[in-house]
N, C-alpha and C. Protein backbone atom coordinates (compact mmCIF):
# COMPACT_ATOMS: atom_id res chain seq x y z
N UNK A 1 0.84 -1.18 0.00
CA UNK A 1 0.00 0.00 0.00
C UNK A 1 0.89 1.24 0.00
N UNK A 2 0.48 2.23 -0.76
CA UNK A 2 1.25 3.48 -0.85
C UNK A 2 0.29 4.66 -0.85
N UNK A 3 0.68 5.72 -0.15
CA UNK A 3 -0.05 6.99 -0.20
C UNK A 3 0.89 8.07 -0.71
N UNK A 4 0.30 9.16 -1.19
CA UNK A 4 1.11 10.28 -1.66
C UNK A 4 0.77 11.51 -0.83
N UNK A 5 1.80 12.17 -0.31
CA UNK A 5 1.65 13.46 0.35
C UNK A 5 2.14 14.52 -0.61
N UNK A 6 1.35 15.58 -0.78
CA UNK A 6 1.70 16.67 -1.69
C UNK A 6 1.89 17.94 -0.87
N UNK A 7 2.99 18.63 -1.11
CA UNK A 7 3.33 19.84 -0.37
C UNK A 7 3.36 21.02 -1.33
N UNK A 8 2.65 22.08 -0.99
CA UNK A 8 2.60 23.27 -1.84
C UNK A 8 3.24 24.46 -1.13
N UNK A 9 3.66 25.44 -1.91
CA UNK A 9 4.20 26.69 -1.36
C UNK A 9 5.41 26.46 -0.48
N UNK A 10 5.44 27.17 0.62
CA UNK A 10 6.59 27.07 1.55
C UNK A 10 6.75 25.68 2.13
N UNK A 11 5.67 24.89 2.16
CA UNK A 11 5.76 23.53 2.68
C UNK A 11 6.61 22.65 1.77
N UNK A 12 6.57 22.92 0.48
CA UNK A 12 7.42 22.20 -0.47
C UNK A 12 8.89 22.47 -0.16
N UNK A 13 9.21 23.71 0.12
CA UNK A 13 10.59 24.05 0.47
C UNK A 13 11.03 23.32 1.73
N UNK A 14 10.15 23.29 2.71
CA UNK A 14 10.48 22.64 3.98
C UNK A 14 10.63 21.13 3.81
N UNK A 15 9.79 20.53 2.99
CA UNK A 15 9.84 19.08 2.76
C UNK A 15 11.01 18.68 1.86
N UNK A 16 11.48 19.63 1.05
CA UNK A 16 12.56 19.34 0.14
C UNK A 16 12.09 18.72 -1.17
N UNK A 17 10.77 18.61 -1.35
CA UNK A 17 10.20 18.06 -2.57
C UNK A 17 8.72 18.41 -2.60
N UNK A 18 8.15 18.36 -3.78
CA UNK A 18 6.73 18.67 -3.93
C UNK A 18 5.81 17.55 -3.51
N UNK A 19 6.35 16.34 -3.47
CA UNK A 19 5.53 15.21 -3.04
C UNK A 19 6.39 14.13 -2.42
N UNK A 20 5.73 13.26 -1.67
CA UNK A 20 6.41 12.18 -0.98
C UNK A 20 5.51 10.95 -1.04
N UNK A 21 6.06 9.83 -1.46
CA UNK A 21 5.32 8.57 -1.44
C UNK A 21 5.69 7.82 -0.17
N UNK A 22 4.68 7.35 0.54
CA UNK A 22 4.91 6.62 1.78
C UNK A 22 4.27 5.24 1.71
N UNK A 23 5.03 4.20 2.02
CA UNK A 23 4.44 2.87 2.08
C UNK A 23 3.69 2.69 3.41
N UNK A 24 2.56 2.02 3.36
CA UNK A 24 1.80 1.71 4.57
C UNK A 24 1.50 0.22 4.60
N UNK A 25 1.50 -0.36 5.79
CA UNK A 25 1.10 -1.75 5.94
C UNK A 25 -0.42 -1.88 6.04
N UNK A 26 -1.05 -0.81 6.56
CA UNK A 26 -2.50 -0.78 6.75
C UNK A 26 -2.94 0.68 6.76
N UNK A 27 -4.24 0.95 6.60
CA UNK A 27 -4.69 2.34 6.67
C UNK A 27 -4.25 2.98 7.99
N UNK A 28 -3.89 4.27 7.92
CA UNK A 28 -3.43 4.99 9.11
C UNK A 28 -4.08 6.35 9.18
N UNK A 29 -4.34 6.79 10.41
CA UNK A 29 -4.87 8.13 10.65
C UNK A 29 -3.75 9.15 10.48
N UNK A 30 -4.14 10.37 10.16
CA UNK A 30 -3.17 11.43 9.91
C UNK A 30 -2.15 11.61 11.03
N UNK A 31 -2.55 11.63 12.32
CA UNK A 31 -1.53 11.82 13.37
C UNK A 31 -0.42 10.77 13.32
N UNK A 32 -0.75 9.54 13.01
CA UNK A 32 0.27 8.48 12.94
C UNK A 32 1.21 8.72 11.77
N UNK A 33 0.68 9.20 10.66
CA UNK A 33 1.51 9.48 9.49
C UNK A 33 2.45 10.65 9.78
N UNK A 34 1.92 11.69 10.40
CA UNK A 34 2.75 12.85 10.72
C UNK A 34 3.84 12.50 11.72
N UNK A 35 3.57 11.56 12.61
CA UNK A 35 4.57 11.15 13.60
C UNK A 35 5.79 10.51 12.94
N UNK A 36 5.64 9.99 11.72
CA UNK A 36 6.75 9.38 11.02
C UNK A 36 7.57 10.34 10.18
N UNK A 37 7.18 11.61 10.16
CA UNK A 37 7.89 12.63 9.38
C UNK A 37 8.87 13.39 10.26
N UNK A 38 9.85 14.09 9.67
CA UNK A 38 10.73 14.94 10.49
C UNK A 38 9.90 15.92 11.32
N UNK A 39 10.35 16.17 12.54
CA UNK A 39 9.58 16.96 13.49
C UNK A 39 9.25 18.36 12.98
N UNK A 40 10.20 19.03 12.31
CA UNK A 40 9.93 20.38 11.84
C UNK A 40 8.88 20.39 10.73
N UNK A 41 8.92 19.39 9.86
CA UNK A 41 7.93 19.29 8.79
C UNK A 41 6.56 18.96 9.37
N UNK A 42 6.51 18.00 10.28
CA UNK A 42 5.23 17.62 10.90
C UNK A 42 4.59 18.81 11.61
N UNK A 43 5.40 19.61 12.31
CA UNK A 43 4.87 20.78 13.01
C UNK A 43 4.30 21.79 12.03
N UNK A 44 5.00 22.03 10.93
CA UNK A 44 4.52 22.98 9.93
C UNK A 44 3.23 22.49 9.28
N UNK A 45 3.12 21.20 9.04
CA UNK A 45 1.93 20.64 8.39
C UNK A 45 0.70 20.73 9.29
N UNK A 46 0.93 20.83 10.59
CA UNK A 46 -0.17 20.91 11.54
C UNK A 46 -0.52 22.36 11.90
N UNK A 47 0.08 23.32 11.20
CA UNK A 47 -0.21 24.72 11.47
C UNK A 47 -1.69 25.03 11.34
N UNK A 48 -2.18 25.98 12.12
CA UNK A 48 -3.62 26.27 12.14
C UNK A 48 -4.17 26.80 10.81
N UNK A 49 -3.33 27.32 9.96
CA UNK A 49 -3.81 27.87 8.69
C UNK A 49 -3.58 26.94 7.50
N UNK A 50 -3.00 25.77 7.75
CA UNK A 50 -2.76 24.81 6.68
C UNK A 50 -4.05 24.03 6.44
N UNK A 51 -4.50 24.02 5.19
CA UNK A 51 -5.70 23.28 4.81
C UNK A 51 -5.29 21.96 4.18
N UNK A 52 -6.21 20.99 4.24
CA UNK A 52 -5.96 19.66 3.71
C UNK A 52 -6.94 19.35 2.58
N UNK A 53 -6.45 18.66 1.57
CA UNK A 53 -7.31 18.16 0.50
C UNK A 53 -7.00 16.68 0.31
N UNK A 54 -8.02 15.85 0.46
CA UNK A 54 -7.87 14.41 0.30
C UNK A 54 -8.45 14.01 -1.05
N UNK A 55 -7.60 13.48 -1.90
CA UNK A 55 -8.02 13.05 -3.24
C UNK A 55 -8.76 14.16 -3.98
N UNK A 56 -8.27 15.40 -3.82
CA UNK A 56 -8.80 16.54 -4.54
C UNK A 56 -9.96 17.25 -3.86
N UNK A 57 -10.45 16.74 -2.75
CA UNK A 57 -11.57 17.36 -2.04
C UNK A 57 -11.07 18.03 -0.76
N UNK A 58 -11.38 19.32 -0.62
CA UNK A 58 -10.98 20.08 0.56
C UNK A 58 -11.68 19.52 1.79
N UNK A 59 -10.91 19.31 2.87
CA UNK A 59 -11.46 18.79 4.12
C UNK A 59 -11.81 19.93 5.07
N UNK A 60 -12.77 19.70 5.96
CA UNK A 60 -13.10 20.74 6.93
C UNK A 60 -11.97 20.93 7.95
N UNK A 61 -11.87 22.11 8.55
CA UNK A 61 -10.83 22.35 9.57
C UNK A 61 -10.91 21.30 10.69
N UNK A 62 -9.75 20.86 11.12
CA UNK A 62 -9.68 19.89 12.21
C UNK A 62 -9.86 18.44 11.79
N UNK A 63 -10.07 18.19 10.51
CA UNK A 63 -10.26 16.82 10.02
C UNK A 63 -8.99 16.01 10.22
N UNK A 64 -9.16 14.76 10.60
CA UNK A 64 -8.04 13.83 10.73
C UNK A 64 -8.36 12.59 9.91
N UNK A 65 -8.13 12.66 8.60
CA UNK A 65 -8.50 11.55 7.73
C UNK A 65 -7.68 10.29 8.01
N UNK A 66 -8.26 9.16 7.68
CA UNK A 66 -7.55 7.89 7.68
C UNK A 66 -7.17 7.63 6.23
N UNK A 67 -5.88 7.45 5.99
CA UNK A 67 -5.38 7.28 4.63
C UNK A 67 -5.15 5.81 4.32
N UNK A 68 -5.57 5.42 3.10
CA UNK A 68 -5.45 4.05 2.66
C UNK A 68 -4.75 4.02 1.30
N UNK A 69 -4.55 2.84 0.78
CA UNK A 69 -3.81 2.64 -0.46
C UNK A 69 -4.33 3.54 -1.58
N UNK A 70 -3.40 4.26 -2.21
CA UNK A 70 -3.73 5.10 -3.35
C UNK A 70 -4.21 6.50 -3.01
N UNK A 71 -4.41 6.81 -1.73
CA UNK A 71 -4.88 8.14 -1.35
C UNK A 71 -3.79 9.19 -1.58
N UNK A 72 -4.24 10.41 -1.88
CA UNK A 72 -3.36 11.55 -2.02
C UNK A 72 -3.83 12.64 -1.08
N UNK A 73 -2.95 13.08 -0.20
CA UNK A 73 -3.27 14.15 0.75
C UNK A 73 -2.39 15.34 0.44
N UNK A 74 -3.03 16.47 0.11
CA UNK A 74 -2.31 17.69 -0.19
C UNK A 74 -2.40 18.64 1.00
N UNK A 75 -1.28 19.28 1.30
CA UNK A 75 -1.19 20.28 2.37
C UNK A 75 -1.11 21.64 1.71
N UNK A 76 -2.08 22.51 1.99
CA UNK A 76 -2.21 23.80 1.34
C UNK A 76 -1.93 24.91 2.35
N UNK A 77 -0.79 25.57 2.24
CA UNK A 77 -0.47 26.65 3.18
C UNK A 77 -1.26 27.91 2.81
N UNK A 78 -1.35 28.85 3.74
CA UNK A 78 -2.01 30.11 3.40
C UNK A 78 -1.22 30.82 2.29
N UNK A 79 -1.92 31.53 1.46
CA UNK A 79 -1.31 32.22 0.34
C UNK A 79 -1.48 33.73 0.53
N UNK A 80 -0.44 34.47 0.24
CA UNK A 80 -0.54 35.91 0.29
C UNK A 80 -0.36 36.44 -1.12
N UNK A 81 -0.93 37.54 -1.37
CA UNK A 81 -0.80 38.11 -2.71
C UNK A 81 -1.41 39.49 -2.74
N UNK A 82 -1.39 40.09 -3.90
CA UNK A 82 -1.90 41.44 -3.97
C UNK A 82 -2.67 41.73 -5.19
């Protein structure tokens, strides 16, 4: 089983890549997945203004999805512009 994490904006810089493939033995909840990432990246991904999109659908604030084979979770940081 494999999931894909997608990092946008400044999160891509912090992760060192735009996406990361992670092997899973079984479906896992988001907190367990974040616990396996570097601490600074995991902390940034849990920021209060970071939004999540699971398989292209935006999740409500505070959602903790369970990820299974083939899922894609995108982390969307706040965007500034003018």
